[in-house]
N, C-alpha and C. Protein backbone atom coordinates (compact mmCIF):
# COMPACT_ATOMS: atom_id res chain seq x y z
N UNK A 1 -51.57 -7.12 37.04
CA UNK A 1 -51.48 -5.79 36.48
C UNK A 1 -52.86 -5.15 36.45
N UNK A 2 -52.88 -3.87 36.66
CA UNK A 2 -54.14 -3.14 36.60
C UNK A 2 -54.43 -2.78 35.15
N UNK A 3 -55.69 -2.45 34.88
CA UNK A 3 -56.13 -2.12 33.52
C UNK A 3 -55.31 -0.97 32.95
N UNK A 4 -55.07 0.06 33.74
CA UNK A 4 -54.31 1.21 33.24
C UNK A 4 -52.87 0.82 32.89
N UNK A 5 -52.27 -0.04 33.69
CA UNK A 5 -50.92 -0.51 33.39
C UNK A 5 -50.89 -1.28 32.09
N UNK A 6 -51.91 -2.11 31.87
CA UNK A 6 -51.99 -2.87 30.62
C UNK A 6 -52.15 -1.95 29.42
N UNK A 7 -52.92 -0.89 29.58
CA UNK A 7 -53.08 0.07 28.49
C UNK A 7 -51.75 0.75 28.15
N UNK A 8 -51.02 1.15 29.18
CA UNK A 8 -49.72 1.78 28.96
C UNK A 8 -48.76 0.82 28.28
N UNK A 9 -48.77 -0.44 28.72
CA UNK A 9 -47.92 -1.45 28.11
C UNK A 9 -48.28 -1.65 26.64
N UNK A 10 -49.57 -1.68 26.34
CA UNK A 10 -50.02 -1.82 24.96
C UNK A 10 -49.54 -0.66 24.10
N UNK A 11 -49.61 0.56 24.62
CA UNK A 11 -49.15 1.73 23.88
C UNK A 11 -47.64 1.67 23.64
N UNK A 12 -46.90 1.21 24.63
CA UNK A 12 -45.45 1.08 24.48
C UNK A 12 -45.12 0.08 23.38
N UNK A 13 -45.83 -1.04 23.37
CA UNK A 13 -45.60 -2.05 22.34
C UNK A 13 -45.93 -1.48 20.97
N UNK A 14 -46.99 -0.71 20.86
CA UNK A 14 -47.34 -0.07 19.58
C UNK A 14 -46.23 0.87 19.12
N UNK A 15 -45.67 1.64 20.05
CA UNK A 15 -44.55 2.53 19.70
C UNK A 15 -43.36 1.73 19.21
N UNK A 16 -43.08 0.62 19.90
CA UNK A 16 -41.97 -0.24 19.49
C UNK A 16 -42.18 -0.80 18.10
N UNK A 17 -43.40 -1.18 17.78
CA UNK A 17 -43.69 -1.70 16.45
C UNK A 17 -43.46 -0.65 15.38
N UNK A 18 -43.83 0.58 15.66
CA UNK A 18 -43.58 1.67 14.72
C UNK A 18 -42.09 1.84 14.50
N UNK A 19 -41.32 1.75 15.58
CA UNK A 19 -39.88 1.91 15.49
C UNK A 19 -39.28 0.83 14.60
N UNK A 20 -39.79 -0.40 14.71
CA UNK A 20 -39.27 -1.51 13.92
C UNK A 20 -39.56 -1.35 12.44
N UNK A 21 -40.61 -0.63 12.10
CA UNK A 21 -41.02 -0.52 10.69
C UNK A 21 -40.00 0.21 9.83
N UNK A 22 -39.37 1.24 10.34
CA UNK A 22 -38.51 2.02 9.47
C UNK A 22 -37.12 2.32 9.97
N UNK A 23 -36.90 2.12 11.25
CA UNK A 23 -35.63 2.49 11.86
C UNK A 23 -35.03 1.27 12.54
N UNK A 24 -33.76 1.05 12.28
CA UNK A 24 -33.05 -0.03 12.96
C UNK A 24 -32.72 0.43 14.38
N UNK A 25 -33.16 -0.30 15.41
CA UNK A 25 -32.85 0.12 16.78
C UNK A 25 -31.37 0.00 17.08
N UNK A 26 -30.89 0.89 17.92
CA UNK A 26 -29.49 0.89 18.36
C UNK A 26 -29.26 -0.26 19.33
N UNK A 27 -30.27 -0.54 20.16
CA UNK A 27 -30.18 -1.59 21.18
C UNK A 27 -31.47 -2.40 21.18
N UNK A 28 -31.32 -3.72 21.27
CA UNK A 28 -32.45 -4.61 21.48
C UNK A 28 -32.27 -5.24 22.86
N UNK A 29 -33.32 -5.16 23.66
CA UNK A 29 -33.32 -5.81 24.97
C UNK A 29 -34.32 -6.96 24.86
N UNK A 30 -33.85 -8.18 25.08
CA UNK A 30 -34.69 -9.35 24.89
C UNK A 30 -34.86 -10.06 26.23
N UNK A 31 -36.13 -10.26 26.62
CA UNK A 31 -36.47 -10.90 27.89
C UNK A 31 -36.96 -12.31 27.61
N UNK A 32 -36.38 -13.28 28.30
CA UNK A 32 -36.82 -14.67 28.18
C UNK A 32 -38.12 -14.83 28.94
N UNK A 33 -39.19 -15.15 28.20
CA UNK A 33 -40.52 -15.23 28.79
C UNK A 33 -41.12 -16.64 28.70
N UNK A 34 -40.26 -17.66 28.78
CA UNK A 34 -40.76 -19.03 28.86
C UNK A 34 -41.34 -19.28 30.23
N UNK A 35 -41.82 -20.48 30.46
CA UNK A 35 -42.47 -20.77 31.75
C UNK A 35 -41.52 -20.60 32.93
N UNK A 36 -40.26 -20.99 32.76
CA UNK A 36 -39.29 -20.82 33.86
C UNK A 36 -39.05 -19.34 34.16
N UNK A 37 -38.94 -18.55 33.09
CA UNK A 37 -38.73 -17.12 33.26
C UNK A 37 -39.90 -16.44 33.93
N UNK A 38 -41.10 -16.78 33.48
CA UNK A 38 -42.30 -16.18 34.07
C UNK A 38 -42.41 -16.56 35.54
N UNK A 39 -42.15 -17.83 35.86
CA UNK A 39 -42.21 -18.27 37.25
C UNK A 39 -41.18 -17.55 38.12
N UNK A 40 -40.06 -17.17 37.52
CA UNK A 40 -38.99 -16.50 38.27
C UNK A 40 -39.17 -14.98 38.33
N UNK A 41 -40.19 -14.43 37.65
CA UNK A 41 -40.44 -13.00 37.73
C UNK A 41 -40.20 -12.21 36.47
N UNK A 42 -40.16 -12.86 35.31
CA UNK A 42 -39.86 -12.18 34.05
C UNK A 42 -40.91 -11.12 33.68
N UNK A 43 -42.16 -11.33 34.07
CA UNK A 43 -43.19 -10.31 33.75
C UNK A 43 -42.84 -8.98 34.40
N UNK A 44 -42.46 -9.03 35.66
CA UNK A 44 -42.10 -7.80 36.38
C UNK A 44 -40.84 -7.17 35.80
N UNK A 45 -39.90 -8.01 35.37
CA UNK A 45 -38.68 -7.51 34.75
C UNK A 45 -39.01 -6.83 33.43
N UNK A 46 -39.86 -7.46 32.62
CA UNK A 46 -40.28 -6.86 31.34
C UNK A 46 -40.94 -5.51 31.58
N UNK A 47 -41.83 -5.46 32.54
CA UNK A 47 -42.52 -4.20 32.85
C UNK A 47 -41.52 -3.13 33.29
N UNK A 48 -40.56 -3.49 34.13
CA UNK A 48 -39.55 -2.53 34.60
C UNK A 48 -38.73 -2.00 33.42
N UNK A 49 -38.34 -2.89 32.50
CA UNK A 49 -37.58 -2.46 31.33
C UNK A 49 -38.40 -1.52 30.46
N UNK A 50 -39.64 -1.89 30.18
CA UNK A 50 -40.50 -1.04 29.36
C UNK A 50 -40.72 0.32 30.01
N UNK A 51 -40.95 0.32 31.32
CA UNK A 51 -41.16 1.58 32.05
C UNK A 51 -39.93 2.47 31.97
N UNK A 52 -38.75 1.89 32.19
CA UNK A 52 -37.51 2.67 32.20
C UNK A 52 -37.20 3.23 30.81
N UNK A 53 -37.38 2.42 29.78
CA UNK A 53 -37.14 2.87 28.41
C UNK A 53 -38.11 4.00 28.06
N UNK A 54 -39.37 3.85 28.43
CA UNK A 54 -40.36 4.89 28.16
C UNK A 54 -40.08 6.16 28.96
N UNK A 55 -39.75 6.00 30.23
CA UNK A 55 -39.47 7.15 31.11
C UNK A 55 -38.31 7.99 30.57
N UNK A 56 -37.33 7.34 30.01
CA UNK A 56 -36.14 8.02 29.51
C UNK A 56 -36.24 8.35 28.02
N UNK A 57 -37.41 8.04 27.45
CA UNK A 57 -37.72 8.36 26.05
C UNK A 57 -36.63 7.86 25.10
N UNK A 58 -36.24 6.61 25.26
CA UNK A 58 -35.21 6.00 24.42
C UNK A 58 -35.86 5.46 23.16
N UNK A 59 -35.92 6.27 22.14
CA UNK A 59 -36.60 5.92 20.90
C UNK A 59 -35.82 4.92 20.05
N UNK A 60 -34.53 4.77 20.31
CA UNK A 60 -33.71 3.84 19.52
C UNK A 60 -33.45 2.52 20.25
N UNK A 61 -34.29 2.23 21.26
CA UNK A 61 -34.18 0.99 22.03
C UNK A 61 -35.50 0.26 21.93
N UNK A 62 -35.42 -1.05 21.66
CA UNK A 62 -36.62 -1.86 21.56
C UNK A 62 -36.54 -3.00 22.56
N UNK A 63 -37.66 -3.29 23.22
CA UNK A 63 -37.73 -4.38 24.18
C UNK A 63 -38.59 -5.48 23.57
N UNK A 64 -38.01 -6.68 23.50
CA UNK A 64 -38.67 -7.82 22.89
C UNK A 64 -38.76 -8.98 23.87
N UNK A 65 -39.59 -9.96 23.51
CA UNK A 65 -39.72 -11.17 24.30
C UNK A 65 -39.28 -12.37 23.48
N UNK A 66 -38.80 -13.39 24.17
CA UNK A 66 -38.46 -14.65 23.53
C UNK A 66 -38.86 -15.78 24.46
N UNK A 67 -38.70 -17.00 24.00
CA UNK A 67 -39.04 -18.17 24.82
C UNK A 67 -37.89 -18.58 25.72
N UNK A 68 -37.91 -19.83 26.12
CA UNK A 68 -36.89 -20.38 27.01
C UNK A 68 -35.50 -20.29 26.39
N UNK A 69 -34.52 -20.05 27.22
CA UNK A 69 -33.12 -20.01 26.79
C UNK A 69 -32.38 -21.29 27.20
N UNK A 70 -33.02 -22.14 27.98
CA UNK A 70 -32.39 -23.38 28.40
C UNK A 70 -31.55 -23.25 29.66
N UNK A 71 -31.67 -22.14 30.34
CA UNK A 71 -30.91 -21.89 31.58
C UNK A 71 -31.88 -21.57 32.71
N UNK A 72 -32.75 -22.52 33.04
CA UNK A 72 -33.81 -22.27 34.01
C UNK A 72 -33.27 -21.75 35.35
N UNK A 73 -32.10 -22.21 35.75
CA UNK A 73 -31.55 -21.77 37.04
C UNK A 73 -31.11 -20.32 37.03
N UNK A 74 -30.99 -19.71 35.84
CA UNK A 74 -30.54 -18.32 35.74
C UNK A 74 -31.67 -17.35 35.41
N UNK A 75 -32.90 -17.84 35.33
CA UNK A 75 -34.03 -16.98 34.98
C UNK A 75 -34.32 -15.98 36.07
N UNK A 76 -34.91 -14.86 35.73
CA UNK A 76 -35.16 -14.29 34.42
C UNK A 76 -33.88 -13.88 33.71
N UNK A 77 -33.84 -14.15 32.43
CA UNK A 77 -32.67 -13.83 31.60
C UNK A 77 -33.01 -12.65 30.70
N UNK A 78 -32.07 -11.71 30.60
CA UNK A 78 -32.22 -10.54 29.74
C UNK A 78 -30.96 -10.43 28.88
N UNK A 79 -31.16 -10.28 27.57
CA UNK A 79 -30.04 -10.07 26.66
C UNK A 79 -30.08 -8.62 26.17
N UNK A 80 -28.92 -8.01 26.11
CA UNK A 80 -28.78 -6.67 25.54
C UNK A 80 -27.95 -6.85 24.27
N UNK A 81 -28.58 -6.56 23.14
CA UNK A 81 -27.96 -6.78 21.84
C UNK A 81 -27.65 -5.44 21.18
N UNK A 82 -26.36 -5.24 20.85
CA UNK A 82 -25.93 -4.06 20.10
C UNK A 82 -25.11 -4.57 18.91
N UNK A 83 -24.71 -3.64 18.07
CA UNK A 83 -23.85 -4.03 16.94
C UNK A 83 -22.52 -4.59 17.43
N UNK A 84 -22.06 -4.12 18.57
CA UNK A 84 -20.77 -4.53 19.10
C UNK A 84 -20.79 -5.90 19.77
N UNK A 85 -21.86 -6.20 20.52
CA UNK A 85 -21.88 -7.44 21.31
C UNK A 85 -23.28 -7.78 21.80
N UNK A 86 -23.43 -9.01 22.22
CA UNK A 86 -24.63 -9.45 22.93
C UNK A 86 -24.20 -9.84 24.33
N UNK A 87 -24.79 -9.20 25.32
CA UNK A 87 -24.49 -9.48 26.72
C UNK A 87 -25.73 -10.12 27.33
N UNK A 88 -25.52 -11.23 28.05
CA UNK A 88 -26.63 -11.95 28.67
C UNK A 88 -26.54 -11.80 30.18
N UNK A 89 -27.63 -11.31 30.77
CA UNK A 89 -27.74 -11.14 32.22
C UNK A 89 -28.67 -12.21 32.78
N UNK A 90 -28.33 -12.71 33.96
CA UNK A 90 -29.15 -13.72 34.61
C UNK A 90 -29.61 -13.30 35.98
N UNK A 91 -30.67 -13.96 36.43
CA UNK A 91 -31.29 -13.69 37.73
C UNK A 91 -31.63 -12.21 37.87
N UNK A 92 -32.24 -11.68 36.82
CA UNK A 92 -32.55 -10.25 36.76
C UNK A 92 -33.82 -9.96 37.56
N UNK A 93 -33.75 -8.96 38.40
CA UNK A 93 -34.90 -8.46 39.15
C UNK A 93 -35.33 -7.14 38.49
N UNK A 94 -36.50 -6.62 38.86
CA UNK A 94 -36.88 -5.31 38.32
C UNK A 94 -35.85 -4.22 38.62
N UNK A 95 -35.21 -4.28 39.78
CA UNK A 95 -34.20 -3.28 40.13
C UNK A 95 -32.98 -3.41 39.23
N UNK A 96 -32.54 -4.65 39.01
CA UNK A 96 -31.40 -4.87 38.11
C UNK A 96 -31.77 -4.46 36.70
N UNK A 97 -33.00 -4.72 36.28
CA UNK A 97 -33.45 -4.33 34.94
C UNK A 97 -33.31 -2.83 34.74
N UNK A 98 -33.70 -2.06 35.75
CA UNK A 98 -33.56 -0.60 35.65
C UNK A 98 -32.08 -0.20 35.55
N UNK A 99 -31.22 -0.87 36.32
CA UNK A 99 -29.78 -0.61 36.24
C UNK A 99 -29.24 -0.94 34.86
N UNK A 100 -29.74 -2.01 34.26
CA UNK A 100 -29.29 -2.39 32.92
C UNK A 100 -29.58 -1.27 31.94
N UNK A 101 -30.76 -0.68 32.02
CA UNK A 101 -31.11 0.42 31.12
C UNK A 101 -30.21 1.62 31.37
N UNK A 102 -30.06 1.99 32.62
CA UNK A 102 -29.28 3.19 32.94
C UNK A 102 -27.79 2.99 32.67
N UNK A 103 -27.22 1.92 33.22
CA UNK A 103 -25.78 1.73 33.12
C UNK A 103 -25.33 1.17 31.78
N UNK A 104 -25.98 0.11 31.31
CA UNK A 104 -25.53 -0.54 30.09
C UNK A 104 -26.04 0.18 28.84
N UNK A 105 -27.35 0.34 28.75
CA UNK A 105 -27.93 0.91 27.53
C UNK A 105 -27.58 2.38 27.36
N UNK A 106 -27.69 3.17 28.41
CA UNK A 106 -27.43 4.61 28.30
C UNK A 106 -25.95 4.93 28.42
N UNK A 107 -25.28 4.39 29.45
CA UNK A 107 -23.90 4.77 29.74
C UNK A 107 -22.85 3.83 29.14
N UNK A 108 -23.28 2.71 28.55
CA UNK A 108 -22.36 1.80 27.89
C UNK A 108 -21.49 0.97 28.82
N UNK A 109 -21.87 0.86 30.09
CA UNK A 109 -21.10 0.07 31.06
C UNK A 109 -21.80 -1.26 31.35
N UNK A 110 -21.15 -2.34 30.99
CA UNK A 110 -21.70 -3.67 31.24
C UNK A 110 -21.67 -3.93 32.76
N UNK A 111 -22.76 -4.47 33.28
CA UNK A 111 -22.85 -4.79 34.70
C UNK A 111 -22.34 -6.22 34.89
N UNK A 112 -21.03 -6.36 34.97
CA UNK A 112 -20.39 -7.69 34.95
C UNK A 112 -20.84 -8.61 36.08
N UNK A 113 -21.26 -8.04 37.20
CA UNK A 113 -21.69 -8.87 38.33
C UNK A 113 -22.97 -9.66 38.03
N UNK A 114 -23.72 -9.28 36.99
CA UNK A 114 -24.96 -9.97 36.63
C UNK A 114 -24.85 -10.75 35.33
N UNK A 115 -23.70 -10.69 34.67
CA UNK A 115 -23.51 -11.38 33.39
C UNK A 115 -23.38 -12.88 33.61
N UNK A 116 -24.04 -13.65 32.73
CA UNK A 116 -23.89 -15.11 32.79
C UNK A 116 -23.22 -15.60 31.52
């Protein structure tokens, strides 16, 4: 990552922290960032999710990180958590991550072809 990208990422995380302080997010997107996930491309997936959420100014959506989920063969893993359900996606690429934000988070349509 370039310095400017890291600065933007830091600002996004700061915004997310502010959101957590007083407002319950409508959606939590959780990226598995254990060693298997990172090796499979989770950093790029995290960046794509943060970029898409910021680009669409989704103030009620928070992107978080977690450790290993125990499904190394399905990494990178992304969970979308709402009051209604938790949906787990596997083998997520940056392109799929963007689709998750657009289709699942915004339009409410689960992308069943990527669900594990």
